[in-house]
Amino acid sequence: EYSEYPYLDNQIGNENFLAYPPSDYWTLSMDETDFCSRIKYSAVFTWQDLRECKSDDGVSSAVNVDIDDQFITMSGKFFVDVVSPVSKDEDTELYRSYELLSH
């Protein structure tokens, strides 16, 4: 099911119009003045949220924290990918992936 009015509040990013449930972190929005604008993804992560990120093995920490006399430094790699099923009608276990951010 697709919204005919994705630019209105509570349309884009609403669980009725997503292939997967809404995220605890990410919000989706569109410019209300433009019926065909780009989708905007936004999220806020706490320090602890980032510390709990795991590498692709699901076990190793994805970040390093170094502490010295002047600084606390968190470092690591951060990727954001949008993953969507190839078919909207059935689960073929095939997915499209689009990288939004790599830092």
C-alpha atoms as a PDB file:
ATOM      1  CA  GLU A   1       0.000   0.000   0.000  1.00  0.00           C
ATOM      2  CA  TYR A   2       1.309   3.457  -0.894  1.00  0.00           C
ATOM      3  CA  SER A   3       0.219   6.838   0.380  1.00  0.00           C
ATOM      4  CA  GLU A   4      -1.286   9.128  -2.215  1.00  0.00           C
ATOM      5  CA  TYR A   5      -0.209  12.073  -0.047  1.00  0.00           C
ATOM      6  CA  PRO A   6       3.291  11.270   1.256  1.00  0.00           C
ATOM      7  CA  TYR A   7       4.070  14.945   1.898  1.00  0.00           C
ATOM      8  CA  LEU A   8       1.397  15.171   4.647  1.00  0.00           C
ATOM      9  CA  ASP A   9       2.244  14.527   8.306  1.00  0.00           C
ATOM     10  CA  ASN A  10       2.101  10.904   9.436  1.00  0.00           C
ATOM     11  CA  GLN A  11       2.203   9.502   5.893  1.00  0.00           C
ATOM     12  CA  ILE A  12       5.799   8.846   4.876  1.00  0.00           C
ATOM     13  CA  GLY A  13       7.485   6.799   7.602  1.00  0.00           C
ATOM     14  CA  ASN A  14       4.148   5.544   8.939  1.00  0.00           C
ATOM     15  CA  GLU A  15       4.062   1.780   9.517  1.00  0.00           C
ATOM     16  CA  ASN A  16       1.120   1.497   7.091  1.00  0.00           C
ATOM     17  CA  PHE A  17       3.427   2.529   4.253  1.00  0.00           C
ATOM     18  CA  LEU A  18       6.719   0.834   5.182  1.00  0.00           C
ATOM     19  CA  ALA A  19       8.036  -2.588   4.198  1.00  0.00           C
ATOM     20  CA  TYR A  20       9.516  -2.848   7.718  1.00  0.00           C
ATOM     21  CA  PRO A  21       8.329  -1.420  11.053  1.00  0.00           C
ATOM     22  CA  PRO A  22       9.360   2.129  11.991  1.00  0.00           C
ATOM     23  CA  SER A  23      12.757   2.551  13.609  1.00  0.00           C
ATOM     24  CA  ASP A  24      13.486   3.687  17.146  1.00  0.00           C
ATOM     25  CA  TYR A  25      16.030   6.121  15.696  1.00  0.00           C
ATOM     26  CA  TRP A  26      15.095   7.160  12.185  1.00  0.00           C
ATOM     27  CA  THR A  27      12.371   9.529  11.051  1.00  0.00           C
ATOM     28  CA  LEU A  28      11.344  10.154   7.461  1.00  0.00           C
ATOM     29  CA  SER A  29       9.849  13.356   6.133  1.00  0.00           C
ATOM     30  CA  MET A  30       9.170  15.300   2.956  1.00  0.00           C
ATOM     31  CA  ASP A  31       8.862  18.982   2.194  1.00  0.00           C
ATOM     32  CA  GLU A  32       5.142  19.754   2.581  1.00  0.00           C
ATOM     33  CA  THR A  33       5.236  22.414  -0.124  1.00  0.00           C
ATOM     34  CA  ASP A  34       6.521  20.104  -2.839  1.00  0.00           C
ATOM     35  CA  PHE A  35       4.425  17.058  -3.714  1.00  0.00           C
ATOM     36  CA  CYS A  36       7.392  15.322  -5.308  1.00  0.00           C
ATOM     37  CA  SER A  37      10.309  16.256  -3.058  1.00  0.00           C
ATOM     38  CA  ARG A  38      13.113  14.059  -1.812  1.00  0.00           C
ATOM     39  CA  ILE A  39      12.651  11.942   1.273  1.00  0.00           C
ATOM     40  CA  LYS A  40      14.651  13.229   4.247  1.00  0.00           C
ATOM     41  CA  TYR A  41      16.085  10.735   6.729  1.00  0.00           C
ATOM     42  CA  SER A  42      17.121  11.986  10.149  1.00  0.00           C
ATOM     43  CA  ALA A  43      18.240  10.367  13.383  1.00  0.00           C
ATOM     44  CA  VAL A  44      19.800  11.217  16.703  1.00  0.00           C
ATOM     45  CA  PHE A  45      22.174   8.777  18.392  1.00  0.00           C
ATOM     46  CA  THR A  46      23.464   9.128  21.925  1.00  0.00           C
ATOM     47  CA  TRP A  47      27.056   8.386  22.847  1.00  0.00           C
ATOM     48  CA  GLN A  48      25.847   5.140  24.416  1.00  0.00           C
ATOM     49  CA  ASP A  49      23.894   4.169  21.273  1.00  0.00           C
ATOM     50  CA  LEU A  50      27.092   4.446  19.245  1.00  0.00           C
ATOM     51  CA  ARG A  51      29.151   2.594  21.874  1.00  0.00           C
ATOM     52  CA  GLU A  52      26.742  -0.338  21.602  1.00  0.00           C
ATOM     53  CA  CYS A  53      27.167  -0.663  17.819  1.00  0.00           C
ATOM     54  CA  LYS A  54      28.593  -4.007  16.777  1.00  0.00           C
ATOM     55  CA  SER A  55      30.718  -4.978  13.789  1.00  0.00           C
ATOM     56  CA  ASP A  56      29.255  -7.190  11.093  1.00  0.00           C
ATOM     57  CA  ASP A  57      30.140 -10.272  13.171  1.00  0.00           C
ATOM     58  CA  GLY A  58      27.579  -9.108  15.743  1.00  0.00           C
ATOM     59  CA  VAL A  59      30.061  -9.516  18.589  1.00  0.00           C
ATOM     60  CA  SER A  60      32.991  -7.097  18.201  1.00  0.00           C
ATOM     61  CA  SER A  61      32.536  -3.443  19.054  1.00  0.00           C
ATOM     62  CA  ALA A  62      32.285  -1.225  15.970  1.00  0.00           C
ATOM     63  CA  VAL A  63      33.877   1.720  17.774  1.00  0.00           C
ATOM     64  CA  ASN A  64      37.014   2.403  19.753  1.00  0.00           C
ATOM     65  CA  VAL A  65      37.136   4.807  22.676  1.00  0.00           C
ATOM     66  CA  ASP A  66      40.488   6.368  23.563  1.00  0.00           C
ATOM     67  CA  ILE A  67      40.909   8.480  26.692  1.00  0.00           C
ATOM     68  CA  ASP A  68      43.871  10.719  27.418  1.00  0.00           C
ATOM     69  CA  ASP A  69      44.489  13.753  29.645  1.00  0.00           C
ATOM     70  CA  GLN A  70      42.683  16.164  27.278  1.00  0.00           C
ATOM     71  CA  PHE A  71      40.211  14.208  25.191  1.00  0.00           C
ATOM     72  CA  ILE A  72      37.837  11.301  24.976  1.00  0.00           C
ATOM     73  CA  THR A  73      37.846  10.165  21.346  1.00  0.00           C
ATOM     74  CA  MET A  74      35.357   7.787  19.781  1.00  0.00           C
ATOM     75  CA  SER A  75      36.337   6.408  16.393  1.00  0.00           C
ATOM     76  CA  GLY A  76      34.965   3.830  14.018  1.00  0.00           C
ATOM     77  CA  LYS A  77      33.066   3.498  10.770  1.00  0.00           C
ATOM     78  CA  PHE A  78      29.421   4.392  10.433  1.00  0.00           C
ATOM     79  CA  PHE A  79      27.297   3.210   7.511  1.00  0.00           C
ATOM     80  CA  VAL A  80      23.661   3.892   6.786  1.00  0.00           C
ATOM     81  CA  ASP A  81      22.009   1.755   4.124  1.00  0.00           C
ATOM     82  CA  VAL A  82      18.414   1.647   2.991  1.00  0.00           C
ATOM     83  CA  VAL A  83      17.404  -1.946   2.336  1.00  0.00           C
ATOM     84  CA  SER A  84      14.181  -2.784   0.537  1.00  0.00           C
ATOM     85  CA  PRO A  85      12.721  -5.989  -0.844  1.00  0.00           C
ATOM     86  CA  VAL A  86      12.921  -6.535  -4.608  1.00  0.00           C
ATOM     87  CA  SER A  87       9.283  -7.637  -4.661  1.00  0.00           C
ATOM     88  CA  LYS A  88       6.528  -5.888  -2.749  1.00  0.00           C
ATOM     89  CA  ASP A  89       4.180  -8.852  -3.198  1.00  0.00           C
ATOM     90  CA  GLU A  90       6.244 -11.692  -1.728  1.00  0.00           C
ATOM     91  CA  ASP A  91       9.419 -12.291   0.243  1.00  0.00           C
ATOM     92  CA  THR A  92      11.902 -13.538  -2.335  1.00  0.00           C
ATOM     93  CA  GLU A  93      14.810 -12.969   0.091  1.00  0.00           C
ATOM     94  CA  LEU A  94      16.296 -10.610  -2.521  1.00  0.00           C
ATOM     95  CA  TYR A  95      16.880  -7.010  -1.477  1.00  0.00           C
ATOM     96  CA  ARG A  96      18.047  -3.718  -2.929  1.00  0.00           C
ATOM     97  CA  SER A  97      20.563  -1.816  -0.879  1.00  0.00           C
ATOM     98  CA  TYR A  98      21.392   1.879  -1.222  1.00  0.00           C
ATOM     99  CA  GLU A  99      24.117   3.492   0.844  1.00  0.00           C
ATOM    100  CA  LEU A 100      22.968   6.825   2.274  1.00  0.00           C
ATOM    101  CA  LEU A 101      25.999   7.574   4.423  1.00  0.00           C
ATOM    102  CA  SER A 102      29.469   6.275   5.024  1.00  0.00           C
ATOM    103  CA  HIS A 103      31.604   8.052   7.579  1.00  0.00           C
END
